[in-house]
């Protein structure tokens, strides 16, 4: 299944920028992130059983990755928010409290104020 393959590829860590295989690793990781975003975007008005986990556990790990990965993750989260705005009162039930907190952080960024 594609979801499993994308998740497996997204678990790879990027080598240091000076490593000879950095660009290839960046392309592979970005491809996996794009694949996960495509799966989420494929169901724009429903929240599948696997969507909260992909958004908050897989994609959230990459929100601070180098360009273009971090930007792709943030865009995917914003697109998800836009397409679910009308039905959020129902869709919110598909997420647990930790997942909602993570999604909120992805959408708004980190706050450094107490």
C-alpha atoms as a PDB file:
ATOM      1  CA  UNK A   1       0.000   0.000   0.000  1.00  0.00           C
ATOM      2  CA  UNK A   2       1.234   3.487  -0.829  1.00  0.00           C
ATOM      3  CA  UNK A   3       0.539   4.881   2.640  1.00  0.00           C
ATOM      4  CA  UNK A   4       2.882   2.359   4.234  1.00  0.00           C
ATOM      5  CA  UNK A   5       5.605   3.078   1.689  1.00  0.00           C
ATOM      6  CA  UNK A   6       5.345   6.856   2.170  1.00  0.00           C
ATOM      7  CA  UNK A   7       5.399   6.535   5.960  1.00  0.00           C
ATOM      8  CA  UNK A   8       8.422   4.225   5.813  1.00  0.00           C
ATOM      9  CA  UNK A   9      10.291   6.666   3.556  1.00  0.00           C
ATOM     10  CA  UNK A  10       9.339   9.611   5.781  1.00  0.00           C
ATOM     11  CA  UNK A  11      11.061   7.975   8.779  1.00  0.00           C
ATOM     12  CA  UNK A  12      14.466   8.389   7.155  1.00  0.00           C
ATOM     13  CA  UNK A  13      16.594  11.111   8.674  1.00  0.00           C
ATOM     14  CA  UNK A  14      18.417  13.612   6.526  1.00  0.00           C
ATOM     15  CA  UNK A  15      22.223  13.350   6.538  1.00  0.00           C
ATOM     16  CA  UNK A  16      24.290  16.474   7.198  1.00  0.00           C
ATOM     17  CA  UNK A  17      24.168  19.056   4.407  1.00  0.00           C
ATOM     18  CA  UNK A  18      27.802  18.368   3.609  1.00  0.00           C
ATOM     19  CA  UNK A  19      27.171  14.669   2.965  1.00  0.00           C
ATOM     20  CA  UNK A  20      27.461  13.650  -0.697  1.00  0.00           C
ATOM     21  CA  UNK A  21      24.005  12.014  -0.653  1.00  0.00           C
ATOM     22  CA  UNK A  22      22.195  14.974   0.984  1.00  0.00           C
ATOM     23  CA  UNK A  23      20.370  16.136  -2.166  1.00  0.00           C
ATOM     24  CA  UNK A  24      19.183  12.617  -3.004  1.00  0.00           C
ATOM     25  CA  UNK A  25      17.998  12.059   0.585  1.00  0.00           C
ATOM     26  CA  UNK A  26      16.191  15.415   0.533  1.00  0.00           C
ATOM     27  CA  UNK A  27      14.427  14.484  -2.720  1.00  0.00           C
ATOM     28  CA  UNK A  28      13.361  11.073  -1.381  1.00  0.00           C
ATOM     29  CA  UNK A  29      12.062  12.544   1.867  1.00  0.00           C
ATOM     30  CA  UNK A  30      10.233  15.329   0.069  1.00  0.00           C
ATOM     31  CA  UNK A  31       8.686  12.766  -2.274  1.00  0.00           C
ATOM     32  CA  UNK A  32       7.405  10.784   0.703  1.00  0.00           C
ATOM     33  CA  UNK A  33       5.960  13.951   2.273  1.00  0.00           C
ATOM     34  CA  UNK A  34       4.294  14.899  -1.017  1.00  0.00           C
ATOM     35  CA  UNK A  35       2.817  11.391  -1.223  1.00  0.00           C
ATOM     36  CA  UNK A  36       1.375  11.641   2.289  1.00  0.00           C
ATOM     37  CA  UNK A  37      -0.061  15.067   1.478  1.00  0.00           C
ATOM     38  CA  UNK A  38      -1.627  13.654  -1.694  1.00  0.00           C
ATOM     39  CA  UNK A  39      -3.294  10.904   0.334  1.00  0.00           C
ATOM     40  CA  UNK A  40      -4.712  13.463   2.760  1.00  0.00           C
ATOM     41  CA  UNK A  41      -5.817  15.742  -0.098  1.00  0.00           C
ATOM     42  CA  UNK A  42      -7.503  12.817  -1.854  1.00  0.00           C
ATOM     43  CA  UNK A  43     -10.288  12.956   0.749  1.00  0.00           C
ATOM     44  CA  UNK A  44     -10.947  16.694   1.044  1.00  0.00           C
ATOM     45  CA  UNK A  45     -14.285  16.513   2.843  1.00  0.00           C
ATOM     46  CA  UNK A  46     -13.877  13.453   5.046  1.00  0.00           C
ATOM     47  CA  UNK A  47     -11.464  12.473   7.771  1.00  0.00           C
ATOM     48  CA  UNK A  48     -10.395   8.905   7.170  1.00  0.00           C
ATOM     49  CA  UNK A  49      -9.389   6.744  10.138  1.00  0.00           C
ATOM     50  CA  UNK A  50      -5.697   7.152   9.270  1.00  0.00           C
ATOM     51  CA  UNK A  51      -5.756  10.915   8.574  1.00  0.00           C
ATOM     52  CA  UNK A  52      -5.204  12.161  12.157  1.00  0.00           C
ATOM     53  CA  UNK A  53      -2.217   9.860  12.605  1.00  0.00           C
ATOM     54  CA  UNK A  54      -0.638  10.933   9.297  1.00  0.00           C
ATOM     55  CA  UNK A  55      -1.118  14.619  10.043  1.00  0.00           C
ATOM     56  CA  UNK A  56      -0.085  14.715  13.671  1.00  0.00           C
ATOM     57  CA  UNK A  57       2.439  11.917  14.019  1.00  0.00           C
ATOM     58  CA  UNK A  58       4.093  11.618  10.617  1.00  0.00           C
ATOM     59  CA  UNK A  59       3.877  15.069   9.016  1.00  0.00           C
ATOM     60  CA  UNK A  60       4.289  17.019  12.267  1.00  0.00           C
ATOM     61  CA  UNK A  61       7.764  15.511  12.697  1.00  0.00           C
ATOM     62  CA  UNK A  62       8.840  17.304   9.520  1.00  0.00           C
ATOM     63  CA  UNK A  63       7.368  20.766  10.048  1.00  0.00           C
ATOM     64  CA  UNK A  64      10.807  22.196  10.867  1.00  0.00           C
ATOM     65  CA  UNK A  65      12.722  20.321   8.155  1.00  0.00           C
ATOM     66  CA  UNK A  66      14.626  22.310   5.531  1.00  0.00           C
ATOM     67  CA  UNK A  67      12.957  23.779   2.469  1.00  0.00           C
ATOM     68  CA  UNK A  68      10.920  22.572   0.650  1.00  0.00           C
ATOM     69  CA  UNK A  69       9.797  19.902   3.142  1.00  0.00           C
ATOM     70  CA  UNK A  70       8.741  22.175   6.011  1.00  0.00           C
ATOM     71  CA  UNK A  71       6.782  24.429   3.663  1.00  0.00           C
ATOM     72  CA  UNK A  72       5.030  21.422   2.112  1.00  0.00           C
ATOM     73  CA  UNK A  73       3.967  20.140   5.549  1.00  0.00           C
ATOM     74  CA  UNK A  74       2.603  23.539   6.610  1.00  0.00           C
ATOM     75  CA  UNK A  75       0.743  23.944   3.297  1.00  0.00           C
ATOM     76  CA  UNK A  76      -0.795  20.483   3.673  1.00  0.00           C
ATOM     77  CA  UNK A  77      -1.991  21.303   7.210  1.00  0.00           C
ATOM     78  CA  UNK A  78      -3.447  24.636   6.064  1.00  0.00           C
ATOM     79  CA  UNK A  79      -5.194  23.008   3.094  1.00  0.00           C
ATOM     80  CA  UNK A  80      -6.645  20.397   5.455  1.00  0.00           C
ATOM     81  CA  UNK A  81      -7.934  23.135   7.747  1.00  0.00           C
ATOM     82  CA  UNK A  82      -9.506  25.054   4.847  1.00  0.00           C
ATOM     83  CA  UNK A  83     -11.279  22.048   3.366  1.00  0.00           C
ATOM     84  CA  UNK A  84     -12.650  20.924   6.746  1.00  0.00           C
ATOM     85  CA  UNK A  85     -13.710  24.298   8.111  1.00  0.00           C
ATOM     86  CA  UNK A  86     -17.426  23.767   7.398  1.00  0.00           C
ATOM     87  CA  UNK A  87     -17.558  20.324   9.012  1.00  0.00           C
ATOM     88  CA  UNK A  88     -14.976  20.831  11.759  1.00  0.00           C
ATOM     89  CA  UNK A  89     -17.602  20.470  14.495  1.00  0.00           C
ATOM     90  CA  UNK A  90     -17.965  16.822  13.357  1.00  0.00           C
ATOM     91  CA  UNK A  91     -14.391  16.182  12.192  1.00  0.00           C
ATOM     92  CA  UNK A  92     -12.895  17.239  15.516  1.00  0.00           C
ATOM     93  CA  UNK A  93     -14.214  14.008  17.039  1.00  0.00           C
ATOM     94  CA  UNK A  94     -11.805  11.984  14.883  1.00  0.00           C
ATOM     95  CA  UNK A  95      -8.803  13.507  16.719  1.00  0.00           C
ATOM     96  CA  UNK A  96      -7.745  12.923  20.310  1.00  0.00           C
ATOM     97  CA  UNK A  97      -6.606  15.769  22.558  1.00  0.00           C
ATOM     98  CA  UNK A  98      -2.889  15.355  21.818  1.00  0.00           C
ATOM     99  CA  UNK A  99      -3.528  15.218  18.081  1.00  0.00           C
ATOM    100  CA  UNK A 100      -5.599  18.411  18.236  1.00  0.00           C
ATOM    101  CA  UNK A 101      -2.812  20.144  20.134  1.00  0.00           C
ATOM    102  CA  UNK A 102      -0.228  19.022  17.584  1.00  0.00           C
ATOM    103  CA  UNK A 103      -2.436  20.110  14.684  1.00  0.00           C
ATOM    104  CA  UNK A 104      -2.953  23.500  16.299  1.00  0.00           C
ATOM    105  CA  UNK A 105       0.816  23.922  16.705  1.00  0.00           C
ATOM    106  CA  UNK A 106       1.355  22.949  13.058  1.00  0.00           C
ATOM    107  CA  UNK A 107      -1.171  25.547  11.933  1.00  0.00           C
ATOM    108  CA  UNK A 108      -0.148  28.419  14.171  1.00  0.00           C
ATOM    109  CA  UNK A 109       3.512  27.730  14.840  1.00  0.00           C
ATOM    110  CA  UNK A 110       5.239  27.625  18.205  1.00  0.00           C
ATOM    111  CA  UNK A 111       4.620  30.243  20.799  1.00  0.00           C
ATOM    112  CA  UNK A 112       7.607  31.398  22.797  1.00  0.00           C
ATOM    113  CA  UNK A 113       5.561  33.398  25.288  1.00  0.00           C
ATOM    114  CA  UNK A 114       4.387  32.007  28.585  1.00  0.00           C
END
